[in-house]
Each structure stands twice: as structure tokens, then as C-alpha cells.
Amino acid sequence: MHAAERERMILDSLGESGFVSFRDLESRVAASPATIRRDLDRLEEAGVITRVRGGAKRVGGGGAPTASEDGLSGVPFHENIGRNRAAKEAIGRAAAGFCIPGEGVMIDGGSTTLQMCPHLDGLGLQVLTNSLHIVSALLPQPTTRILIPSGQVFREQNIVLSAAGDDGMPRFHAPKLFMGAASMGPAGLMQADVILVAAERRLIERADEIIVLVDSSKFSGPSGNVVCALDEIDIVVTDAGIEPRHVAMMEAAGIRVIIA
């Protein structure tokens, strides 16, 4: 069983009570106890669950996590799109250079990943994205095939996410995932909202290579919910404003750093 499927099964097992015992998970999940413990550790790092004696409970307790009708936590897209615009455009251009004509890629929603789109025209890519902004930007490109997941539309961010954990693309796998972040630091890549973390974890499990697009301001931003550790990331594309200590931090984790 794939890690993403096990994580989904663990979250489903929390049920209305928001708690599941480790013994119950052993009977439900087709994996060794050590594998289940690693899955629980990963979900706890992402801020989705809390490990407790004998099992795990959902963060905040109670039933399944719900999404606000108004949107996710964090800065609304229309406010974020203009911030550090020149740096984001350079980062998007550089990131698009990693795409190989004819391949399938995943592009996570974000104001920086959006800047890749003008440079993908003519490559004949198959693109899975959860961003309606990215869909709109790619629609005029006749050779770009676009896939979107199922779920709820979050208006302020213009992305499609499934709080229930079913992203509607169970068989899609890609050599590359391009994603942004609310912030980055020694703990890894972070986002403001737990639902967004869970959705991005499902994308990460389906990619061979993780390419993160972040401008230098994201390294001095607030902390958040950890999506993945630094050593899970392959490449970071950023701008010349990044401090040498942040470059050293990433390189020590084995990340290839590209300055756009």
C-alpha cells in the first residue's frame, strides 16, 4: 500500500471521535507496526494529528477537519500576487526550464508557481494543478493538456482542495512537482493551513522530484505547519536576495539551490 493511501486510511480511522488506537490501526492498515509509526510521525510533523498514549488524535480534537467557506488560513491570493513580483517572474521562468517537452508535471497553486505558465507554451506538457489561476493561464496553450483534482473551490486562493482526502486523481504520477510555500526554515517547507498541508502531502507522494519555488522573503516569514522536511526537497529556485546562511542551510540538507 502506498504511503498516501496509508495516511488517508489513518485519517479516515479517526472518525467522529477524532481518536484511533494504535492496535486498531494495526488491524486496519496493511503495513508493519514500524511503517505505521513512521506514517504517524509524518502526519504529526505536518500538524494534522498528535501522538498520544496508545494511539493518535486529530489536532484540535473532535470530528473531521472542516474548511471555512471563506477560504484557507494565510494571505489571500489577490494580495500575494503583487508581492515581490519581479523576483517571482524570474523564479517562474527558471523553474519552467526544468520541464521536458511532452512530460507530465504537477504544479501546486501559488503566486510564484503561476509565473511558470507563460514559459510552458509549446512544450506539449500534461499538467495536473489544483489552481484555477494556473488553469486560466494554461487554457490558451493548445498543446498543454490540463488535469484538475476534485474537491471544494476555495475562492480567496482560487484552488481546489478536498478536505476529505480524496483528490480524484488516484493513478496520476509525475516526475516533477512544482510547489510554493508560506515559509521555509530548518524544520522544512511550511504552509499556514492544515488542509493545504494534507493536500500537498498527497502530491508529494506522487512525484519523483520536488522543486520548490520561493522568493527570498519566505525565509524570514512566520512559522507554520510543516509540509515536508528539507531532505525531501530536491531543488529550490529562489532569487538573489537570499541570505548565504539560508543557502548553506539548504545545501547541507542536500538541496540544489538555483538563484534566478
Protein backbone atom coordinates (compact mmCIF):
# COMPACT_ATOMS: atom_id res chain seq x y z
CA MET A 1 0.00 0.00 0.00
CA HIS A 2 1.30 3.45 -1.00
CA ALA A 3 2.18 5.91 1.78
CA ALA A 4 -0.51 8.36 0.62
CA GLU A 5 -3.14 5.60 0.84
CA ARG A 6 -1.99 4.64 4.34
CA GLU A 7 -2.13 8.25 5.51
CA ARG A 8 -5.64 8.62 4.11
CA MET A 9 -6.71 5.41 5.86
CA ILE A 10 -5.25 6.65 9.16
CA LEU A 11 -7.12 9.96 8.89
CA ASP A 12 -10.34 8.15 7.98
CA SER A 13 -9.88 5.89 11.02
CA LEU A 14 -10.02 8.91 13.35
CA GLY A 15 -13.78 9.04 12.69
CA GLU A 16 -16.14 11.29 14.59
CA SER A 17 -14.31 10.88 17.89
CA GLY A 18 -11.03 12.19 16.46
CA PHE A 19 -9.04 9.35 18.09
CA VAL A 20 -7.75 5.98 16.92
CA SER A 21 -5.76 3.44 18.89
CA PHE A 22 -2.50 2.02 17.55
CA ARG A 23 -3.92 -1.50 17.91
CA ASP A 24 -6.90 -0.53 15.78
CA LEU A 25 -4.58 0.87 13.10
CA GLU A 26 -2.59 -2.37 13.04
CA SER A 27 -5.79 -4.27 12.22
CA ARG A 28 -6.92 -1.78 9.54
CA VAL A 29 -3.74 -0.76 7.76
CA ALA A 30 -1.86 -3.34 5.71
CA ALA A 31 1.60 -2.38 6.96
CA SER A 32 4.10 -3.25 9.65
CA PRO A 33 3.95 -1.51 13.06
CA ALA A 34 7.19 0.31 12.23
CA THR A 35 5.72 1.63 8.96
CA ILE A 36 2.57 2.80 10.73
CA ARG A 37 4.68 4.62 13.32
CA ARG A 38 6.58 6.40 10.55
CA ASP A 39 3.27 7.39 8.93
CA LEU A 40 2.05 8.78 12.26
CA ASP A 41 5.30 10.69 12.74
CA ARG A 42 4.93 12.23 9.29
CA LEU A 43 1.30 13.26 9.92
CA GLU A 44 2.27 14.72 13.29
CA GLU A 45 5.08 16.76 11.69
CA ALA A 46 2.52 18.06 9.19
CA GLY A 47 0.36 19.25 12.09
CA VAL A 48 -2.59 17.00 11.21
CA ILE A 49 -2.51 14.68 14.23
CA THR A 50 -0.99 14.47 17.71
CA ARG A 51 0.57 11.27 19.02
CA VAL A 52 -0.91 10.25 22.39
CA ARG A 53 -0.50 7.24 24.64
CA GLY A 54 -1.87 4.19 22.81
CA GLY A 55 -2.71 5.95 19.56
CA ALA A 56 -3.27 9.29 17.86
CA LYS A 57 -5.83 12.08 17.91
CA ARG A 58 -6.78 14.75 15.43
CA VAL A 59 -5.31 18.19 16.05
CA GLY A 60 -7.99 20.24 17.79
CA GLY A 61 -9.95 17.11 18.74
CA GLY A 62 -13.49 16.30 17.64
CA GLY A 63 -14.58 15.18 14.20
CA ALA A 64 -13.06 15.52 10.79
CA PRO A 65 -11.36 18.81 9.91
CA THR A 66 -13.61 21.21 8.07
CA ALA A 67 -12.77 24.07 5.76
CA SER A 68 -14.05 27.58 6.15
CA GLU A 69 -16.42 28.71 3.43
CA ASP A 70 -14.45 31.97 3.24
CA GLY A 71 -11.12 30.33 2.49
CA LEU A 72 -8.00 28.87 3.98
CA SER A 73 -5.67 30.38 6.54
CA GLY A 74 -2.97 32.60 5.11
CA VAL A 75 -2.70 35.55 2.74
CA PRO A 76 -5.44 35.71 0.05
CA PHE A 77 -4.16 35.18 -3.49
CA HIS A 78 -5.13 38.64 -4.74
CA GLU A 79 -2.94 40.21 -2.03
CA ASN A 80 0.00 37.86 -2.60
CA ILE A 81 0.18 38.06 -6.39
CA GLY A 82 1.78 41.53 -6.42
CA ARG A 83 4.36 40.93 -3.70
CA ASN A 84 7.95 40.62 -4.96
CA ARG A 85 6.55 40.33 -8.48
CA ALA A 86 9.85 40.73 -10.36
CA ALA A 87 11.53 38.02 -8.27
CA LYS A 88 8.58 35.66 -8.75
CA GLU A 89 8.61 36.16 -12.52
CA ALA A 90 12.34 35.33 -12.67
CA ILE A 91 11.83 32.27 -10.46
CA GLY A 92 8.93 31.04 -12.61
CA ARG A 93 10.98 31.44 -15.79
CA ALA A 94 13.91 29.50 -14.31
CA ALA A 95 11.65 26.74 -12.96
CA ALA A 96 9.97 26.24 -16.33
CA GLY A 97 13.40 25.37 -17.72
CA PHE A 98 13.30 22.09 -15.80
CA CYS A 99 10.29 20.88 -17.81
CA ILE A 100 11.00 18.37 -20.58
CA PRO A 101 8.78 18.57 -23.68
CA GLY A 102 5.96 16.03 -23.62
CA GLU A 103 6.23 15.04 -19.95
CA GLY A 104 3.61 15.16 -17.21
CA VAL A 105 4.14 17.52 -14.27
CA MET A 106 2.24 18.69 -11.19
CA ILE A 107 2.07 22.41 -10.39
CA ASP A 108 0.72 23.31 -6.98
CA GLY A 109 -1.26 26.52 -6.65
CA GLY A 110 0.58 29.70 -5.72
CA SER A 111 1.53 33.17 -6.89
CA THR A 112 5.10 32.06 -7.74
CA THR A 113 4.23 28.78 -9.48
CA LEU A 114 1.75 30.76 -11.60
CA GLN A 115 4.71 32.60 -13.16
CA MET A 116 5.86 29.37 -14.81
CA CYS A 117 2.84 29.29 -17.14
CA PRO A 118 3.90 31.72 -19.91
CA HIS A 119 7.08 29.69 -20.40
CA LEU A 120 5.33 26.30 -20.83
CA ASP A 121 3.66 27.13 -24.14
CA GLY A 122 4.67 24.76 -26.92
CA LEU A 123 6.18 22.09 -24.66
CA GLY A 124 3.21 19.73 -25.02
CA LEU A 125 3.03 19.09 -21.28
CA GLN A 126 0.34 17.29 -19.31
CA VAL A 127 -0.20 19.43 -16.21
CA LEU A 128 -2.07 18.42 -13.06
CA THR A 129 -2.85 21.52 -10.99
CA ASN A 130 -5.22 22.45 -8.18
CA SER A 131 -5.07 26.16 -9.10
CA LEU A 132 -7.83 27.83 -11.11
CA HIS A 133 -5.44 30.71 -11.86
CA ILE A 134 -2.98 28.26 -13.41
CA VAL A 135 -5.79 26.59 -15.38
CA SER A 136 -6.78 30.01 -16.79
CA ALA A 137 -3.18 30.80 -17.70
CA LEU A 138 -2.70 27.46 -19.49
CA LEU A 139 -6.03 27.35 -21.36
CA PRO A 140 -4.79 29.46 -24.32
CA GLN A 141 -1.93 26.99 -24.90
CA PRO A 142 -3.23 24.47 -27.47
CA THR A 143 -0.60 21.80 -26.78
CA THR A 144 -0.86 21.85 -22.97
CA ARG A 145 -3.22 19.23 -21.51
CA ILE A 146 -4.72 20.22 -18.17
CA LEU A 147 -5.94 17.95 -15.36
CA ILE A 148 -7.61 19.16 -12.18
CA PRO A 149 -8.48 17.24 -8.98
CA SER A 150 -11.94 17.01 -7.48
CA GLY A 151 -12.90 18.84 -4.30
CA GLN A 152 -14.07 22.17 -2.92
CA VAL A 153 -13.22 25.51 -4.52
CA PHE A 154 -11.64 27.95 -2.07
CA ARG A 155 -12.48 31.34 -3.54
CA GLU A 156 -9.85 33.62 -1.98
CA GLN A 157 -6.99 31.34 -3.01
CA ASN A 158 -8.72 30.06 -6.21
CA ILE A 159 -7.63 26.49 -5.58
CA VAL A 160 -9.42 23.14 -5.47
CA LEU A 161 -8.83 21.00 -2.37
CA SER A 162 -10.53 18.01 -0.81
CA ALA A 163 -10.77 18.17 2.97
CA ALA A 164 -11.94 14.54 2.95
CA GLY A 165 -8.63 13.37 1.50
CA ASP A 166 -9.83 12.14 -1.92
CA ASP A 167 -8.07 14.20 -4.60
CA GLY A 168 -9.77 12.49 -7.52
CA MET A 169 -6.50 11.56 -9.30
CA PRO A 170 -5.53 8.23 -7.70
CA ARG A 171 -3.45 6.98 -10.67
CA PHE A 172 -1.59 10.17 -11.59
CA HIS A 173 2.18 10.16 -11.03
CA ALA A 174 4.68 12.71 -12.32
CA PRO A 175 8.46 13.03 -12.49
CA LYS A 176 8.27 16.59 -11.10
CA LEU A 177 6.15 18.53 -8.61
CA PHE A 178 6.50 22.31 -8.58
CA MET A 179 5.27 23.91 -5.36
CA GLY A 180 5.48 27.10 -3.34
CA ALA A 181 5.45 27.73 0.42
CA ALA A 182 4.25 30.18 3.02
CA SER A 183 7.70 29.97 4.58
CA MET A 184 10.84 27.84 4.76
CA GLY A 185 13.24 27.18 7.61
CA PRO A 186 15.25 24.46 9.39
CA ALA A 187 12.01 22.50 10.03
CA GLY A 188 11.28 22.39 6.30
CA LEU A 189 8.63 23.76 3.94
CA MET A 190 5.61 25.22 5.75
CA GLN A 191 2.04 26.31 4.97
CA ALA A 192 -0.49 28.17 7.09
CA ASP A 193 -3.41 25.75 6.76
CA VAL A 194 -3.61 22.08 7.81
CA ILE A 195 -5.94 21.19 4.91
CA LEU A 196 -3.40 22.59 2.46
CA VAL A 197 -0.66 20.57 4.15
CA ALA A 198 -2.61 17.32 3.75
CA ALA A 199 -3.34 18.07 0.07
CA GLU A 200 0.30 18.84 -0.68
CA ARG A 201 1.46 15.66 1.07
CA ARG A 202 -0.69 13.68 -1.37
CA LEU A 203 1.01 15.42 -4.29
CA ILE A 204 4.49 14.85 -2.84
CA GLU A 205 3.84 11.12 -2.59
CA ARG A 206 3.16 11.04 -6.34
CA ALA A 207 6.26 12.85 -7.57
CA ASP A 208 9.80 11.66 -8.22
CA GLU A 209 11.33 15.11 -7.76
CA ILE A 210 10.22 18.03 -5.57
CA ILE A 211 11.03 21.51 -6.92
CA VAL A 212 10.15 24.41 -4.61
CA LEU A 213 9.68 27.96 -5.91
CA VAL A 214 10.11 30.59 -3.17
CA ASP A 215 11.32 34.17 -3.20
CA SER A 216 13.88 35.17 -0.57
CA SER A 217 11.30 36.82 1.71
CA LYS A 218 9.86 33.38 2.55
CA PHE A 219 12.95 32.53 4.58
CA SER A 220 12.22 35.25 7.13
CA GLY A 221 8.48 34.59 7.27
CA PRO A 222 6.44 33.20 10.16
CA SER A 223 6.47 29.54 11.09
CA GLY A 224 3.60 27.26 10.12
CA ASN A 225 2.51 23.67 9.61
CA VAL A 226 5.33 21.54 8.18
CA VAL A 227 4.55 20.05 4.76
CA CYS A 228 7.86 18.26 4.33
CA ALA A 229 11.37 18.22 5.75
CA LEU A 230 14.25 19.85 3.88
CA ASP A 231 15.75 16.50 2.95
CA GLU A 232 12.60 15.61 0.99
CA ILE A 233 13.18 18.57 -1.36
CA ASP A 234 15.41 18.18 -4.43
CA ILE A 235 15.64 21.70 -5.86
CA VAL A 236 14.81 25.19 -4.57
CA VAL A 237 14.53 28.07 -7.05
CA THR A 238 14.81 31.47 -5.38
CA ASP A 239 16.15 34.99 -6.04
CA ALA A 240 19.40 36.82 -5.42
CA GLY A 241 18.11 38.39 -2.22
CA ILE A 242 18.50 35.14 -0.27
CA GLU A 243 20.99 35.25 2.60
CA PRO A 244 24.08 33.00 2.44
CA ARG A 245 23.09 31.29 5.71
CA HIS A 246 19.82 30.15 4.15
CA VAL A 247 21.63 28.80 1.10
CA ALA A 248 24.01 26.92 3.40
CA MET A 249 21.06 25.51 5.37
CA MET A 250 19.53 24.06 2.22
CA GLU A 251 22.75 22.78 0.72
CA ALA A 252 23.53 21.00 3.99
CA ALA A 253 20.24 19.12 3.52
CA GLY A 254 21.29 18.04 0.01
CA ILE A 255 19.13 20.59 -1.84
CA ARG A 256 20.29 22.04 -5.15
CA VAL A 257 19.78 25.82 -4.92
CA ILE A 258 19.10 27.80 -8.10
CA ILE A 259 19.33 31.60 -8.00
CA ALA A 260 17.05 33.05 -10.68
